Amino acid sequence: MPLAPGQQDIWAATALAPALPVYNEPCTIRFGKAIDAVALARALDFLIERHDILRTAFVSGDDGPGQMVRTSASLHMEVVTTASDEVGEAAVWQRATAAARQVFDLQRPPPLRALLARLGENDTRLYLTIHHLVIDAVGLYDVFLPELATAYEAFRQGKAPALEALPLSFADACLRQPQALAADVRRVQLAYWQRHLAGAHALVLPTDFARPAVPTGRGAYRSFSLPADRVAALHAVSRAAGVTLFITLLAAFATLLQRWSGDEDLVLGTFDAGRTSRDVERLLGYFLRPLALRLVVYGDPPFTVFVQQARDTLLQALAHADVSFAEAMAEVASGQAGVRQHLVHVAFVMEPSLREGDTGWSISQHDLQTGTSKFDLTLEVEQRRGGIVGRFEYSTDLFEEATIDCLVETWGVLLRSITEHPEQRLSQLLLLSAAQRQRLLVERNDTRSPYPRDL
């Protein structure tokens, strides 16, 4: 069976760095209490049996990459018990990091690893690593984690999980996806992308190191958080502009990139959930549809105007997202001599909100570093009850850690400036904190040096 369009993009990107876990997705569940390891292992096996994509082998054949659903697949959940001190914590972190950085053999399902760590009576954690080919953020937050909690509680009580049967499998959804768009619809959508990206170029940021001839995929990330009051202020700006928080943050990120690079014609990547019918909402699998958003900031518009432009650009992209990203980029390349197909070097991602129920489980995707980066720079944000958590994932081929630390500080200052003065033009919004201004304008310009006074 052929891969879905989004899976084909991942497969092609993985082939560029096969020895790196670029598409390994780590996730940590903290239970806050003792856990029945047997019931948890049964719950994981139950999900593998329930969702065919977790029993799928990915292979290369004469006709290109494909997927084969196995009748069964088994998962060994490793269980470790250690002291709840710094030494024990470090040992568990090293073990979980090693698992997160181990490349999957995609021909042997499931593409899933699980490490249960007991660090004390009230500190039990499940470190999961799942390959992106079989799961996206919607599937993780809205399907996998809620179903895991339901199945675990059922098995803990000696019952069978009471989950409604799935209307179809991911394999069924894949077979349905290639159904041809009407020829006139395909023409209209491809023509839009050719117009939208005509003359566009990949965003080139100031870097600390020269770009290698061949990207290595090596990277890291720097996490940050925004407090609840700052997020409330951003929501107020969004409501006043008649847009979602996603669009406000997208426009803010584009402002940051424009001020940093000096480029007024920006191409940013983002992703649509791609779940276009209700019968796939409860499936695991990779449904995401990449989008290339071109945001032009000529004339130094006020932020309140720029955010409307960002909204219109996003809505137009979503309206023309039925053709695959690869097909759209190929159309753009065919219409422009010498254009590079890979226009997206920087991406913005807003994860779906986590369903914070009564399980007492806390979830984090920021505990483990796989040492990789999918783009030059990616901003990922996720709204939680206490505010926003996020991270800048970056290519270590291009950027030093200190540069990204400075970027995180600048991002916070910019967001505060937007909430206080959204009517200001992009060039007027603050980027430097008082401490940064002191360092740049005073300390680095203090060129005084002692000299002998008797000369």
Protein backbone atom coordinates (compact mmCIF):
# COMPACT_ATOMS: atom_id res chain seq x y z
CA MET A 1 0.00 0.00 0.00
CA PRO A 2 1.47 3.42 -0.90
CA LEU A 3 2.29 5.99 1.74
CA ALA A 4 -0.05 8.87 2.43
CA PRO A 5 1.18 12.20 0.97
CA GLY A 6 2.40 13.50 4.34
CA GLN A 7 4.19 10.22 5.04
CA GLN A 8 5.94 10.49 1.68
CA ASP A 9 7.36 13.86 2.74
CA ILE A 10 8.71 12.33 5.97
CA TRP A 11 10.12 9.31 4.16
CA ALA A 12 11.98 11.54 1.70
CA ALA A 13 13.35 13.74 4.50
CA THR A 14 14.40 10.69 6.53
CA ALA A 15 16.38 9.38 3.54
CA LEU A 16 18.56 12.50 3.69
CA ALA A 17 19.79 11.64 7.21
CA PRO A 18 19.04 7.94 7.76
CA ALA A 19 21.40 7.63 10.74
CA LEU A 20 19.68 10.41 12.70
CA PRO A 21 16.37 10.16 14.62
CA VAL A 22 14.99 13.35 13.02
CA TYR A 23 11.41 12.12 13.18
CA ASN A 24 11.51 10.38 16.55
CA GLU A 25 8.93 12.09 18.78
CA PRO A 26 9.61 11.72 22.53
CA CYS A 27 6.86 12.25 25.09
CA THR A 28 6.98 11.93 28.89
CA ILE A 29 3.98 11.08 31.07
CA ARG A 30 4.35 11.83 34.78
CA PHE A 31 1.78 9.93 36.80
CA GLY A 32 2.36 11.46 40.22
CA LYS A 33 1.57 8.14 41.90
CA ALA A 34 2.41 4.45 41.86
CA ILE A 35 1.48 2.69 38.62
CA ASP A 36 0.49 -0.91 37.88
CA ALA A 37 3.17 -1.79 35.31
CA VAL A 38 1.34 -4.90 34.09
CA ALA A 39 -1.86 -2.95 33.44
CA LEU A 40 0.08 -0.22 31.65
CA ALA A 41 1.90 -2.72 29.42
CA ARG A 42 -1.46 -4.34 28.57
CA ALA A 43 -2.90 -0.92 27.74
CA LEU A 44 -0.04 -0.22 25.32
CA ASP A 45 -0.49 -3.62 23.66
CA PHE A 46 -4.21 -2.93 23.43
CA LEU A 47 -3.57 0.28 21.48
CA ILE A 48 -1.17 -1.52 19.14
CA GLU A 49 -3.87 -4.10 18.43
CA ARG A 50 -6.57 -1.41 18.08
CA HIS A 51 -4.70 0.89 15.68
CA ASP A 52 -3.34 -0.75 12.54
CA ILE A 53 -0.78 2.00 11.95
CA LEU A 54 1.12 0.83 15.06
CA ARG A 55 1.42 -2.62 13.44
CA THR A 56 2.62 -1.23 10.12
CA ALA A 57 5.96 -2.00 8.48
CA PHE A 58 7.44 0.58 6.12
CA VAL A 59 9.39 -0.82 3.21
CA SER A 60 11.01 0.26 -0.05
CA GLY A 61 9.98 -1.60 -3.19
CA ASP A 62 10.34 -1.31 -6.94
CA ASP A 63 7.39 1.07 -6.98
CA GLY A 64 8.79 3.24 -4.20
CA PRO A 65 8.10 3.29 -0.46
CA GLY A 66 5.04 1.52 0.89
CA GLN A 67 3.44 0.24 4.08
CA MET A 68 2.31 -3.24 5.09
CA VAL A 69 -0.02 -3.85 8.04
CA ARG A 70 1.03 -6.82 10.18
CA THR A 71 -1.54 -8.97 11.96
CA SER A 72 0.31 -8.52 15.24
CA ALA A 73 3.20 -6.65 16.81
CA SER A 74 4.58 -6.77 20.33
CA LEU A 75 6.09 -4.07 22.50
CA HIS A 76 8.53 -4.66 25.32
CA MET A 77 8.06 -1.96 27.95
CA GLU A 78 11.29 -1.62 29.89
CA VAL A 79 10.83 -1.03 33.64
CA VAL A 80 13.52 0.49 35.83
CA THR A 81 13.49 1.37 39.53
CA THR A 82 16.01 3.78 40.95
CA ALA A 83 16.55 6.23 43.77
CA SER A 84 14.79 9.58 43.63
CA ASP A 85 18.03 11.55 43.96
CA GLU A 86 20.18 13.39 41.44
CA VAL A 87 22.12 10.25 40.56
CA GLY A 88 18.95 8.25 39.93
CA GLU A 89 17.41 11.10 37.97
CA ALA A 90 20.49 11.42 35.77
CA ALA A 91 20.61 7.68 35.13
CA VAL A 92 16.98 7.57 34.04
CA TRP A 93 17.40 10.65 31.86
CA GLN A 94 20.42 9.12 30.12
CA ARG A 95 18.56 5.87 29.50
CA ALA A 96 15.45 7.64 28.17
CA THR A 97 17.55 9.94 25.98
CA ALA A 98 19.39 6.97 24.49
CA ALA A 99 16.04 5.36 23.62
CA ALA A 100 14.77 8.62 22.09
CA ARG A 101 17.90 8.90 19.93
CA GLN A 102 17.91 5.33 18.66
CA VAL A 103 16.86 5.08 15.04
CA PHE A 104 13.85 2.81 14.41
CA ASP A 105 13.97 -0.17 12.09
CA LEU A 106 10.76 0.80 10.30
CA GLN A 107 10.40 -2.67 8.79
CA ARG A 108 9.79 -4.10 12.28
CA PRO A 109 6.72 -2.65 13.98
CA PRO A 110 5.78 -1.15 16.28
CA PRO A 111 7.74 2.10 15.75
CA LEU A 112 7.25 2.78 19.44
CA ARG A 113 9.42 2.49 22.56
CA ALA A 114 8.36 2.65 26.19
CA LEU A 115 10.45 3.03 29.35
CA LEU A 116 8.68 3.04 32.71
CA ALA A 117 10.82 4.64 35.42
CA ARG A 118 10.05 4.45 39.12
CA LEU A 119 11.99 7.13 40.99
CA GLY A 120 10.01 7.06 44.19
CA GLU A 121 6.62 6.32 45.67
CA ASN A 122 5.00 9.33 43.97
CA ASP A 123 7.29 9.77 40.98
CA THR A 124 6.60 7.32 38.17
CA ARG A 125 7.21 8.30 34.56
CA LEU A 126 6.57 6.72 31.19
CA TYR A 127 9.05 7.81 28.52
CA LEU A 128 7.59 7.17 25.09
CA THR A 129 9.28 7.55 21.71
CA ILE A 130 7.06 7.24 18.62
CA HIS A 131 8.04 7.70 15.00
CA HIS A 132 6.30 10.59 13.30
CA LEU A 133 5.25 8.33 10.38
CA VAL A 134 2.58 6.80 12.63
CA ILE A 135 1.40 9.69 14.75
CA ASP A 136 0.82 13.43 14.70
CA ALA A 137 0.08 15.85 17.53
CA VAL A 138 -3.70 15.55 17.15
CA GLY A 139 -3.41 11.78 17.32
CA LEU A 140 -1.12 11.94 20.34
CA TYR A 141 -3.20 14.36 22.40
CA ASP A 142 -6.74 13.55 21.28
CA VAL A 143 -6.47 9.80 20.67
CA PHE A 144 -3.40 8.00 22.02
CA LEU A 145 -3.13 9.55 25.48
CA PRO A 146 -6.89 9.53 26.33
CA GLU A 147 -7.24 5.94 25.08
CA LEU A 148 -4.13 4.88 26.99
CA ALA A 149 -5.60 6.33 30.19
CA THR A 150 -8.95 4.60 29.59
CA ALA A 151 -7.36 1.26 28.77
CA TYR A 152 -4.97 1.43 31.72
CA GLU A 153 -7.74 2.12 34.21
CA ALA A 154 -9.84 -0.72 32.78
CA PHE A 155 -7.01 -3.26 32.97
CA ARG A 156 -6.08 -2.05 36.45
CA GLN A 157 -9.62 -2.92 37.54
CA GLY A 158 -9.58 -6.26 35.72
CA LYS A 159 -12.01 -5.10 33.03
CA ALA A 160 -11.93 -4.86 29.25
CA PRO A 161 -11.52 -1.30 27.90
CA ALA A 162 -14.88 0.13 26.86
CA LEU A 163 -13.80 2.01 23.76
CA GLU A 164 -16.07 2.45 20.77
CA ALA A 165 -15.03 0.53 17.67
CA LEU A 166 -13.17 2.57 15.08
CA PRO A 167 -15.15 3.39 11.91
CA LEU A 168 -12.17 2.60 9.67
CA SER A 169 -8.44 1.97 9.82
CA PHE A 170 -5.58 4.24 8.80
CA ALA A 171 -4.99 1.87 5.90
CA ASP A 172 -8.58 2.50 4.74
CA ALA A 173 -7.98 6.24 5.07
CA CYS A 174 -4.78 5.99 3.01
CA LEU A 175 -6.54 4.10 0.24
CA ARG A 176 -9.24 6.74 0.21
CA GLN A 177 -6.86 9.72 0.08
CA PRO A 178 -5.52 9.25 -3.44
CA GLN A 179 -9.02 9.55 -4.90
CA ALA A 180 -8.42 12.08 -7.62
CA LEU A 181 -9.52 15.64 -7.20
CA ALA A 182 -11.69 16.87 -10.00
CA ALA A 183 -9.39 18.08 -12.76
CA ASP A 184 -10.70 21.61 -12.58
CA VAL A 185 -10.23 21.73 -8.78
CA ARG A 186 -6.65 20.47 -9.09
CA ARG A 187 -5.92 23.08 -11.76
CA VAL A 188 -7.30 25.89 -9.61
CA GLN A 189 -5.38 24.81 -6.52
CA LEU A 190 -2.07 24.33 -8.32
CA ALA A 191 -2.50 27.69 -10.04
CA TYR A 192 -2.99 29.31 -6.64
CA TRP A 193 0.30 27.93 -5.32
CA GLN A 194 2.13 28.99 -8.45
CA ARG A 195 0.79 32.54 -8.08
CA HIS A 196 1.27 32.65 -4.32
CA LEU A 197 4.90 31.56 -4.44
CA ALA A 198 5.95 33.13 -7.76
CA GLY A 199 9.37 34.71 -7.26
CA ALA A 200 9.55 33.59 -3.64
CA HIS A 201 12.82 32.61 -1.99
CA ALA A 202 13.71 30.65 1.09
CA LEU A 203 14.15 32.79 4.18
CA VAL A 204 17.85 33.17 4.98
CA LEU A 205 18.56 34.11 8.58
CA PRO A 206 21.82 35.53 9.93
CA THR A 207 23.73 32.47 11.12
CA ASP A 208 26.72 31.81 13.31
CA PHE A 209 28.16 29.21 10.94
CA ALA A 210 28.24 28.83 7.17
CA ARG A 211 25.50 26.61 5.78
CA PRO A 212 26.91 23.15 4.96
CA ALA A 213 26.60 21.93 1.39
CA VAL A 214 24.44 19.06 2.64
CA PRO A 215 22.28 19.59 5.77
CA THR A 216 23.14 17.09 8.49
CA GLY A 217 19.87 17.24 10.42
CA ARG A 218 21.72 17.85 13.69
CA GLY A 219 19.99 20.19 16.10
CA ALA A 220 18.78 21.05 19.57
CA TYR A 221 15.97 23.00 21.19
CA ARG A 222 15.53 25.69 23.81
CA SER A 223 12.31 25.65 25.82
CA PHE A 224 10.44 28.65 27.21
CA SER A 225 7.14 29.42 28.88
CA LEU A 226 4.72 32.35 28.86
CA PRO A 227 2.73 33.09 32.02
CA ALA A 228 -1.04 33.07 32.10
CA ASP A 229 -1.37 36.87 32.26
CA ARG A 230 0.75 37.30 29.13
CA VAL A 231 -1.33 34.70 27.30
CA ALA A 232 -4.54 36.43 28.43
CA ALA A 233 -3.21 39.69 26.98
CA LEU A 234 -2.41 37.94 23.69
CA HIS A 235 -5.94 36.56 23.62
CA ALA A 236 -7.26 40.11 24.12
CA VAL A 237 -5.20 41.32 21.12
CA SER A 238 -6.55 38.39 19.09
CA ARG A 239 -10.18 39.12 19.99
CA ALA A 240 -9.79 42.80 19.13
CA ALA A 241 -8.38 41.84 15.74
CA GLY A 242 -11.00 39.13 15.14
CA VAL A 243 -8.37 36.39 14.76
CA THR A 244 -7.29 33.30 16.66
CA LEU A 245 -4.31 33.09 18.99
CA PHE A 246 -2.60 30.94 16.35
CA ILE A 247 -2.69 33.79 13.84
CA THR A 248 -1.53 36.38 16.36
CA LEU A 249 1.48 34.23 17.29
CA LEU A 250 2.18 33.46 13.62
CA ALA A 251 2.22 37.19 12.82
CA ALA A 252 4.40 37.87 15.87
CA PHE A 253 6.90 35.19 14.78
CA ALA A 254 6.98 36.62 11.25
CA THR A 255 7.64 40.05 12.76
CA LEU A 256 10.55 38.63 14.75
CA LEU A 257 11.98 36.99 11.61
CA GLN A 258 11.58 40.15 9.53
CA ARG A 259 13.32 42.30 12.11
CA TRP A 260 16.09 39.73 12.55
CA SER A 261 16.74 39.05 8.86
CA GLY A 262 15.77 42.38 7.29
CA ASP A 263 13.87 40.41 4.65
CA GLU A 264 10.41 41.78 3.78
CA ASP A 265 9.28 38.76 1.74
CA LEU A 266 9.01 35.79 4.09
CA VAL A 267 8.09 32.15 3.42
CA LEU A 268 7.16 30.24 6.58
CA GLY A 269 6.02 26.66 6.91
CA THR A 270 3.15 25.50 9.06
CA PHE A 271 0.83 22.50 9.22
CA ASP A 272 -2.89 21.85 8.90
CA ALA A 273 -4.35 18.96 10.90
CA GLY A 274 -5.52 17.34 7.65
CA ARG A 275 -8.38 15.47 9.32
CA THR A 276 -11.01 16.55 6.83
CA SER A 277 -13.77 14.10 7.81
CA ARG A 278 -15.23 13.05 11.15
CA ASP A 279 -14.52 9.35 10.61
CA VAL A 280 -10.75 9.89 10.90
CA GLU A 281 -10.86 11.98 14.10
CA ARG A 282 -10.31 8.92 16.34
CA LEU A 283 -7.53 7.37 14.24
CA LEU A 284 -3.81 7.33 14.85
CA GLY A 285 -1.63 8.08 11.85
CA TYR A 286 0.06 10.97 10.10
CA PHE A 287 -2.55 13.27 8.57
CA LEU A 288 -0.72 16.62 8.70
CA ARG A 289 -0.64 18.76 5.56
CA PRO A 290 2.35 21.13 5.21
CA LEU A 291 1.59 24.66 4.05
CA ALA A 292 3.95 27.36 2.74
CA LEU A 293 2.77 30.80 3.87
CA ARG A 294 4.17 33.84 2.07
CA LEU A 295 3.96 36.96 4.22
CA VAL A 296 5.04 40.22 2.61
CA VAL A 297 5.70 43.14 4.97
CA TYR A 298 6.45 45.98 2.55
CA GLY A 299 5.62 49.42 3.86
CA ASP A 300 6.17 48.68 7.56
CA PRO A 301 2.49 48.06 8.43
CA PRO A 302 1.06 48.34 11.94
CA PHE A 303 0.85 44.98 13.69
CA THR A 304 -2.97 45.23 13.68
CA VAL A 305 -2.85 45.38 9.87
CA PHE A 306 -0.17 42.70 9.51
CA VAL A 307 -2.15 40.22 11.62
CA GLN A 308 -5.08 40.59 9.19
CA GLN A 309 -2.72 39.83 6.31
CA ALA A 310 -1.51 36.74 8.13
CA ARG A 311 -5.12 35.60 8.63
CA ASP A 312 -5.99 36.10 4.94
CA THR A 313 -2.84 34.27 3.82
CA LEU A 314 -3.56 31.32 6.09
CA LEU A 315 -7.20 31.04 5.02
CA GLN A 316 -6.21 31.08 1.34
CA ALA A 317 -3.61 28.39 1.94
CA LEU A 318 -6.14 26.19 3.76
CA ALA A 319 -8.63 26.64 0.92
CA HIS A 320 -6.05 25.25 -1.52
CA ALA A 321 -4.56 22.48 0.62
CA ASP A 322 -6.16 19.48 -1.09
CA VAL A 323 -3.21 19.06 -3.45
CA SER A 324 -0.18 17.61 -1.70
CA PHE A 325 2.66 19.87 -0.61
CA ALA A 326 5.11 18.01 -2.85
CA GLU A 327 2.83 18.43 -5.86
CA ALA A 328 2.36 22.12 -5.14
CA MET A 329 6.11 22.70 -4.77
CA ALA A 330 6.79 20.78 -7.99
CA GLU A 331 4.30 23.05 -9.76
CA VAL A 332 6.05 26.14 -8.41
CA ALA A 333 9.43 24.78 -9.48
CA SER A 334 8.18 24.00 -12.99
CA GLY A 335 6.95 27.57 -13.45
CA GLN A 336 10.20 29.30 -12.44
CA ALA A 337 13.59 28.67 -13.98
CA GLY A 338 16.14 27.79 -11.33
CA VAL A 339 13.74 27.96 -8.38
CA ARG A 340 14.58 25.70 -5.45
CA GLN A 341 11.86 23.27 -4.50
CA HIS A 342 12.66 23.58 -0.79
CA LEU A 343 11.35 27.04 0.00
CA VAL A 344 10.60 26.34 3.65
CA HIS A 345 13.56 26.70 5.99
CA VAL A 346 11.65 28.10 8.98
CA ALA A 347 8.39 26.80 10.45
CA PHE A 348 5.75 27.72 13.02
CA VAL A 349 3.75 25.02 14.78
CA MET A 350 0.98 25.37 17.35
CA GLU A 351 0.21 22.04 18.97
CA PRO A 352 -3.41 21.17 19.82
CA SER A 353 -4.46 21.90 23.38
CA LEU A 354 -4.03 18.95 25.69
CA ARG A 355 -7.20 17.54 27.21
CA GLU A 356 -6.43 18.02 30.89
CA GLY A 357 -8.79 15.55 32.52
CA ASP A 358 -8.95 13.96 35.94
CA THR A 359 -6.27 11.30 35.43
CA GLY A 360 -3.64 13.30 37.30
CA TRP A 361 -1.21 12.58 34.46
CA SER A 362 1.02 15.42 33.23
CA ILE A 363 2.46 15.37 29.72
CA SER A 364 5.62 16.95 28.34
CA GLN A 365 7.38 16.81 24.98
CA HIS A 366 10.24 18.96 26.25
CA ASP A 367 12.10 16.53 28.52
CA LEU A 368 14.35 14.79 26.01
CA GLN A 369 16.55 16.08 23.19
CA THR A 370 16.93 13.88 20.12
CA GLY A 371 19.81 16.06 18.89
CA THR A 372 18.06 16.82 15.61
CA SER A 373 16.20 19.61 13.82
CA LYS A 374 13.76 19.33 10.93
CA PHE A 375 14.28 22.92 9.71
CA ASP A 376 16.80 25.73 10.18
CA LEU A 377 14.49 27.03 12.90
CA THR A 378 11.08 25.96 14.19
CA LEU A 379 8.94 27.70 16.78
CA GLU A 380 6.57 25.27 18.51
CA VAL A 381 3.98 26.54 21.01
CA GLU A 382 1.34 24.77 23.06
CA GLN A 383 -1.35 26.30 25.23
CA ARG A 384 -1.74 24.82 28.69
CA ARG A 385 -3.93 25.74 31.64
CA GLY A 386 -1.11 27.75 33.22
CA GLY A 387 -0.09 29.64 30.08
CA ILE A 388 1.95 28.62 27.04
CA VAL A 389 4.93 26.29 26.82
CA GLY A 390 7.07 26.34 23.72
CA ARG A 391 10.46 25.73 22.23
CA PHE A 392 12.74 26.91 19.47
CA GLU A 393 14.16 23.90 17.64
CA TYR A 394 17.25 24.91 15.67
CA SER A 395 19.96 23.53 13.43
CA THR A 396 23.27 23.33 15.28
CA ASP A 397 24.95 23.44 11.85
CA LEU A 398 23.87 27.09 11.74
CA PHE A 399 23.32 28.49 15.22
CA GLU A 400 25.11 28.62 18.54
CA GLU A 401 23.17 27.98 21.72
CA ALA A 402 23.81 31.57 22.89
CA THR A 403 22.11 32.93 19.77
CA ILE A 404 18.95 30.97 20.49
CA ASP A 405 19.04 32.00 24.16
CA CYS A 406 19.05 35.62 22.97
CA LEU A 407 16.23 34.84 20.53
CA VAL A 408 14.06 33.44 23.34
CA GLU A 409 14.58 36.62 25.35
CA THR A 410 13.80 38.77 22.30
CA TRP A 411 10.63 36.76 21.62
CA GLY A 412 9.34 37.49 25.11
CA VAL A 413 10.07 41.22 24.79
CA LEU A 414 8.33 41.37 21.40
CA LEU A 415 5.19 39.66 22.69
CA ARG A 416 4.98 42.07 25.60
CA SER A 417 5.37 45.01 23.20
CA ILE A 418 2.60 43.63 20.97
CA THR A 419 0.19 43.27 23.88
CA GLU A 420 0.93 46.80 25.10
CA HIS A 421 0.99 48.57 21.71
CA PRO A 422 -0.57 46.40 18.96
CA GLU A 423 -1.23 49.53 16.89
CA GLN A 424 2.49 50.24 16.45
CA ARG A 425 4.27 49.59 13.18
CA LEU A 426 6.43 46.50 13.04
CA SER A 427 9.63 48.54 13.15
CA GLN A 428 8.48 50.29 16.34
CA LEU A 429 7.81 47.16 18.38
CA LEU A 430 10.45 46.52 21.01
CA LEU A 431 12.87 43.64 20.64
CA LEU A 432 15.39 44.36 23.38
CA SER A 433 14.89 44.14 27.11
CA ALA A 434 16.44 46.76 29.37
CA ALA A 435 19.25 44.32 30.18
CA GLN A 436 19.90 43.65 26.49
CA ARG A 437 19.96 47.38 25.70
CA GLN A 438 22.42 47.93 28.54
CA ARG A 439 24.70 45.20 27.16
CA LEU A 440 24.51 46.37 23.54
CA LEU A 441 24.44 50.14 23.90
CA VAL A 442 26.52 50.73 27.02
CA GLU A 443 28.73 47.80 27.98
CA ARG A 444 29.85 46.86 24.46
CA ASN A 445 30.49 50.51 23.60
CA ASP A 446 32.55 51.14 26.69
CA THR A 447 35.92 51.30 24.93
CA ARG A 448 37.78 53.01 27.73
CA SER A 449 41.05 51.36 28.65
CA PRO A 450 43.75 52.34 31.16
CA TYR A 451 46.92 54.01 29.89
CA PRO A 452 50.02 55.39 31.57
CA ARG A 453 49.33 58.98 32.59
CA ASP A 454 52.99 59.96 32.58
CA LEU A 455 53.41 59.63 28.83
